[in-house]
Protein backbone atom coordinates (compact mmCIF):
# COMPACT_ATOMS: atom_id res chain seq x y z
CA MET A 1 -9.39 121.73 67.75
CA LYS A 2 -7.60 124.91 66.92
CA MET A 3 -6.74 125.60 70.56
CA LYS A 4 -5.20 122.05 70.73
CA LYS A 5 -3.09 122.78 67.76
CA VAL A 6 -1.90 126.06 69.16
CA PHE A 7 -0.96 124.42 72.52
CA ALA A 8 0.79 121.59 70.54
CA ILE A 9 2.92 124.08 68.52
CA LEU A 10 3.65 126.09 71.62
CA SER A 11 4.67 122.94 73.43
CA ILE A 12 7.18 121.86 70.62
CA VAL A 13 8.71 125.32 70.29
CA ALA A 14 9.05 125.28 74.25
CA ILE A 15 10.98 121.72 74.05
CA PHE A 16 13.38 123.16 71.39
CA ASN A 17 14.07 126.45 73.22
CA PHE A 18 14.71 124.77 76.57
CA GLY A 19 16.44 121.65 75.33
CA ASN A 20 19.63 123.42 74.26
CA PRO A 21 20.41 124.89 77.69
CA VAL A 22 20.11 121.65 79.31
CA ASN A 23 22.50 120.08 76.96
CA VAL A 24 24.97 123.01 77.41
CA VAL A 25 24.67 122.52 81.04
CA ALA A 26 25.29 118.91 81.01
CA GLN A 27 28.21 119.48 78.53
CA ASP A 28 29.67 122.07 81.00
CA ALA A 29 29.17 119.64 83.93
CA THR A 30 30.90 116.70 82.07
CA ALA A 31 33.80 119.21 81.08
CA GLN A 32 34.28 120.22 84.76
CA THR A 33 34.34 116.64 85.89
CA GLU A 34 37.04 115.84 83.26
CA GLN A 35 39.09 118.89 84.30
CA VAL A 36 38.79 117.83 88.00
CA SER A 37 40.00 114.25 87.26
CA ALA A 38 42.78 115.48 85.20
CA THR A 39 43.87 117.86 88.06
CA ASP A 40 43.73 114.96 90.61
CA SER A 41 45.83 112.63 88.27
CA ALA A 42 48.35 115.45 87.81
CA SER A 43 48.55 115.91 91.56
CA THR A 44 48.99 112.18 92.18
CA ALA A 45 51.74 112.00 89.62
CA VAL A 46 53.54 114.93 91.37
CA ALA A 47 53.10 113.23 94.66
CA ASP A 48 54.44 109.80 93.38
CA SER A 49 57.50 111.50 91.94
CA THR A 50 58.14 113.33 95.05
CA GLN A 51 57.95 110.14 97.08
CA GLN A 52 60.39 108.44 94.54
CA THR A 53 62.74 111.42 94.84
CA GLU A 54 62.68 111.51 98.52
CA SER A 55 63.16 107.66 98.79
CA THR A 56 66.00 107.93 96.26
CA GLN A 57 67.65 110.75 98.46
CA ALA A 58 67.27 108.72 101.68
CA ALA A 59 68.68 105.64 99.88
CA ALA A 60 71.69 107.45 98.66
CA PRO A 61 73.48 108.07 101.92
CA ALA A 62 72.76 104.60 103.03
CA GLU A 63 74.51 103.22 100.01
CA GLU A 64 77.47 105.68 100.18
CA GLY A 65 78.26 104.87 103.77
CA GLY A 66 77.15 101.08 103.45
CA MET A 67 80.62 99.68 103.67
CA HIS A 68 82.08 101.57 106.26
CA LYS A 69 78.95 101.27 108.36
CA ALA A 70 78.84 97.57 107.89
CA LEU A 71 82.53 97.07 108.90
CA LYS A 72 81.99 99.29 112.01
CA GLN A 73 78.90 97.49 113.01
CA LYS A 74 80.44 94.07 112.63
CA PHE A 75 83.47 95.24 114.63
CA ILE A 76 81.20 96.37 117.45
CA GLU A 77 79.31 93.02 117.32
CA GLY A 78 82.68 91.12 117.71
CA GLY A 79 83.10 92.64 121.10
CA ALA A 80 85.74 95.19 122.37
CA GLY A 81 87.63 92.63 124.38
CA TRP A 82 88.89 90.71 121.47
CA MET A 83 88.56 93.31 118.70
CA ALA A 84 90.79 95.92 120.42
CA PRO A 85 93.93 93.63 120.54
CA ILE A 86 93.41 92.70 116.94
CA ALA A 87 92.98 96.41 115.96
CA LEU A 88 96.20 97.14 118.20
CA CYS A 89 98.22 94.43 116.25
CA LEU A 90 97.12 96.28 112.97
CA ILE A 91 98.17 99.67 114.06
CA ILE A 92 101.46 98.59 115.60
CA GLY A 93 102.29 96.31 112.68
CA LEU A 94 101.53 98.95 110.03
CA ALA A 95 103.76 101.56 112.03
CA LEU A 96 106.58 99.24 112.01
CA CYS A 97 106.11 98.44 108.17
CA ILE A 98 105.92 102.11 107.38
CA GLU A 99 109.15 102.72 109.32
CA ARG A 100 111.02 99.90 107.56
CA ILE A 101 109.68 101.12 104.01
CA ILE A 102 110.83 104.75 104.79
CA PHE A 103 114.23 103.61 106.12
CA LEU A 104 114.94 101.36 103.11
CA SER A 105 113.86 104.09 100.70
CA LEU A 106 116.36 106.49 102.13
CA SER A 107 119.01 103.93 102.42
CA ALA A 108 118.86 103.15 98.70
CA THR A 109 122.15 104.22 96.71
CA ASN A 110 123.06 104.39 93.05
CA THR A 111 125.91 102.05 93.39
CA LYS A 112 127.07 102.55 89.83
CA LYS A 113 127.34 106.27 90.32
CA LEU A 114 129.14 105.71 93.65
CA LEU A 115 131.73 103.54 92.21
CA THR A 116 132.34 105.98 89.47
CA ASN A 117 132.84 108.84 91.80
CA ILE A 118 135.22 106.72 93.82
CA GLU A 119 137.32 105.68 90.96
CA ASP A 120 137.54 109.38 89.82
CA ALA A 121 138.37 110.70 93.35
CA TRP A 122 141.06 107.92 93.54
CA GLU A 123 142.62 108.82 90.45
CA LYS A 124 142.80 112.50 91.54
CA GLY A 125 143.43 112.45 95.26
CA GLY A 126 144.19 108.84 96.18
CA VAL A 127 142.48 106.64 98.59
CA ASP A 128 141.79 109.52 101.03
CA ALA A 129 139.76 111.26 98.38
CA ALA A 130 137.90 108.06 97.78
CA LYS A 131 137.00 107.70 101.47
CA ASP A 132 135.82 111.28 101.49
CA VAL A 133 133.36 110.31 98.76
CA CYS A 134 132.06 107.43 100.78
CA ARG A 135 131.81 109.56 103.89
CA ASP A 136 129.69 112.17 102.01
CA THR A 137 127.24 109.61 100.59
CA ARG A 138 124.23 108.28 102.54
CA GLY A 139 123.35 104.53 102.80
CA PRO A 140 124.83 101.20 103.79
CA VAL A 141 126.70 100.69 100.60
CA ALA A 142 128.74 103.76 101.27
CA SER A 143 129.30 102.64 104.78
CA ILE A 144 130.71 99.32 103.78
CA PHE A 145 132.83 100.96 101.10
CA TYR A 146 134.33 103.32 103.64
CA GLN A 147 135.12 100.50 106.15
CA GLY A 148 136.82 98.66 103.26
CA LEU A 149 139.02 101.52 102.12
CA SER A 150 139.88 102.28 105.55
CA ARG A 151 141.87 98.99 105.71
CA TYR A 152 143.47 99.56 102.29
CA ASP A 153 146.98 99.67 103.81
CA GLU A 154 146.60 96.19 105.40
CA GLY A 155 146.14 94.26 102.07
CA ILE A 156 143.34 93.12 99.89
CA GLU A 157 142.56 90.02 101.91
CA VAL A 158 141.81 92.26 104.88
CA VAL A 159 139.68 94.67 102.94
CA GLU A 160 137.73 91.66 101.64
CA LYS A 161 137.06 90.44 105.08
CA THR A 162 136.16 93.83 106.39
CA VAL A 163 133.64 94.26 103.67
CA ALA A 164 132.08 90.95 104.19
CA SER A 165 131.91 91.51 107.93
CA TYR A 166 130.60 94.99 107.76
CA GLY A 167 127.96 93.90 105.06
CA GLY A 168 126.63 91.50 107.70
CA VAL A 169 126.23 94.32 110.13
CA GLN A 170 124.44 96.66 107.62
CA LEU A 171 122.16 93.60 106.60
CA GLY A 172 121.30 93.25 110.25
CA LEU A 173 120.22 96.93 110.32
CA LEU A 174 118.09 96.64 107.13
CA GLU A 175 116.22 93.61 108.69
CA LYS A 176 115.55 95.47 111.99
CA ASN A 177 112.01 95.04 113.43
CA LEU A 178 111.05 92.43 110.92
CA SER A 179 110.68 89.84 113.78
CA TRP A 180 108.26 92.12 115.36
CA ILE A 181 106.19 92.39 112.11
CA GLY A 182 106.16 88.64 111.77
CA LEU A 183 104.81 88.45 115.47
CA PHE A 184 101.90 90.47 114.78
CA ILE A 185 101.11 88.55 111.62
CA ALA A 186 100.99 85.41 113.55
CA LEU A 187 99.40 87.06 116.72
CA ALA A 188 96.38 88.59 114.88
CA PRO A 189 94.75 85.40 113.61
CA SER A 190 95.80 83.58 116.95
CA LEU A 191 93.77 86.10 118.94
CA GLY A 192 90.86 85.78 116.41
CA PHE A 193 90.90 81.91 116.79
CA LEU A 194 91.01 82.25 120.57
CA GLY A 195 88.12 84.68 120.50
CA THR A 196 86.31 82.20 118.22
CA VAL A 197 86.84 79.33 120.61
CA ILE A 198 85.90 81.33 123.73
CA GLY A 199 82.78 82.68 121.97
CA MET A 200 81.64 79.03 121.02
CA ILE A 201 82.10 77.95 124.65
CA ALA A 202 79.91 81.02 125.58
CA ALA A 203 77.27 80.08 123.11
CA PHE A 204 77.08 76.44 124.60
CA ASP A 205 76.85 77.74 128.09
CA LYS A 206 73.87 79.66 127.10
CA ILE A 207 72.33 76.58 125.39
CA GLN A 208 72.92 74.76 128.72
CA GLN A 209 71.22 77.46 130.80
CA VAL A 210 68.09 77.69 128.53
CA GLY A 211 67.90 74.05 128.33
CA ASP A 212 67.02 73.91 124.79
CA ILE A 213 68.82 74.43 121.34
CA SER A 214 67.37 77.78 120.25
CA ALA A 215 68.36 78.91 116.83
CA THR A 216 68.38 82.52 118.01
CA VAL A 217 70.89 81.84 120.84
CA VAL A 218 73.08 79.55 118.90
CA ALA A 219 73.32 81.94 115.67
CA GLY A 220 74.03 84.91 117.79
CA GLY A 221 76.93 83.36 119.83
CA ILE A 222 78.47 81.77 116.79
CA LYS A 223 78.12 84.87 114.67
CA VAL A 224 80.07 86.91 117.46
CA ALA A 225 82.64 84.22 117.65
CA LEU A 226 83.44 83.94 114.15
CA LEU A 227 83.80 87.78 113.64
CA THR A 228 87.02 87.76 115.72
CA THR A 229 88.53 85.09 113.23
CA VAL A 230 87.41 87.17 110.23
CA PHE A 231 89.14 90.44 111.47
CA GLY A 232 92.26 88.57 112.61
CA LEU A 233 92.62 86.92 109.30
CA ILE A 234 92.31 90.37 107.59
CA VAL A 235 94.84 92.06 109.59
CA ALA A 236 97.23 89.07 109.06
CA MET A 237 96.89 89.31 105.29
CA ILE A 238 97.37 93.09 105.34
CA LEU A 239 100.50 92.85 107.23
CA GLN A 240 101.75 89.89 105.20
CA VAL A 241 101.52 92.11 101.85
CA PHE A 242 103.79 94.78 103.57
CA PHE A 243 106.11 92.27 105.00
CA ASN A 244 106.75 90.55 101.58
CA TYR A 245 107.29 94.06 99.99
CA ILE A 246 109.84 94.90 102.59
CA LEU A 247 111.54 91.61 102.15
CA THR A 248 111.77 92.30 98.55
CA LEU A 249 113.47 95.56 98.98
CA ILE A 250 115.87 94.11 101.45
CA GLU A 251 116.74 91.28 99.04
CA SER A 252 117.23 93.80 96.23
CA MET A 253 119.49 95.89 98.33
CA THR A 254 121.62 92.89 99.47
CA ASN A 255 122.16 91.76 95.95
CA ASP A 256 123.32 95.36 95.05
CA MET A 257 125.64 95.32 98.04
CA GLU A 258 127.38 92.13 96.99
CA ASP A 259 127.65 93.18 93.33
CA SER A 260 129.00 96.56 94.22
CA SER A 261 131.57 95.17 96.74
CA ILE A 262 133.01 92.95 94.21
CA SER A 263 133.35 96.00 91.98
CA LEU A 264 135.06 97.87 94.79
CA LEU A 265 137.58 95.05 95.27
CA ASP A 266 138.35 95.25 91.48
CA ILE A 267 139.03 99.03 91.81
CA ILE A 268 141.23 98.49 94.77
CA VAL A 269 143.31 95.76 92.95
CA LYS A 270 143.59 97.99 89.89
CA HIS A 271 144.98 100.92 91.86
CA GLY A 272 147.06 98.73 94.09
CA LYS A 273 149.17 97.60 91.02
CA LYS A 274 150.03 101.00 90.07
């Protein structure tokens, strides 16, 4: 009995002594498992953020050049045979518009200042001094005044007819090349419509060859055909805006020429009575 008690006590002591290391080992293993899972989670988060950054960087260039690339792609899909003439209409039409705008801007004259200088010069040096002022001034108004003053000795009626006649000549110079701009405004959509009609005919020819109405064949042919009309209308609208702006400049200069011509005749009548 004493031996059994001794073995029992030794067993209890052994259990208490060896039980703690087992728990410690279990706790260490659990902690290591948690650290590994945390490390895996962090690695997964970093990988996800890296993928998002790469996708954002890849999408950014696509968004930046989206409009330009889309227009270029649609232009190519329309076919060079029809898109090239439409693009040529745009280039030549814009060149003519820019030429007219520059010419009209350089031809603009401060008529009030010119009339004041003419009257002051006339009072100091007569009609010859007034003609020198007109000769040294750039613009159609000064040219009209010079022609009118050159006929001063022939009477006021001759001066008035000369101003009116030469005003018509200058107006014709201001409106130079406007007919060509109008031609390209009408030609661009006409080429687009023609390309659309021919494209539709080509699409129906494909349907006839296939012998079946395929959505792919029909949609592709009609898409290419309609692109020519779209670009033709865009070109016409761009040129029309410039054309109307040029007409506004010419109208303003024409009114200025008429008003200043009347003022010139008043100056001539005023000095003719002296």
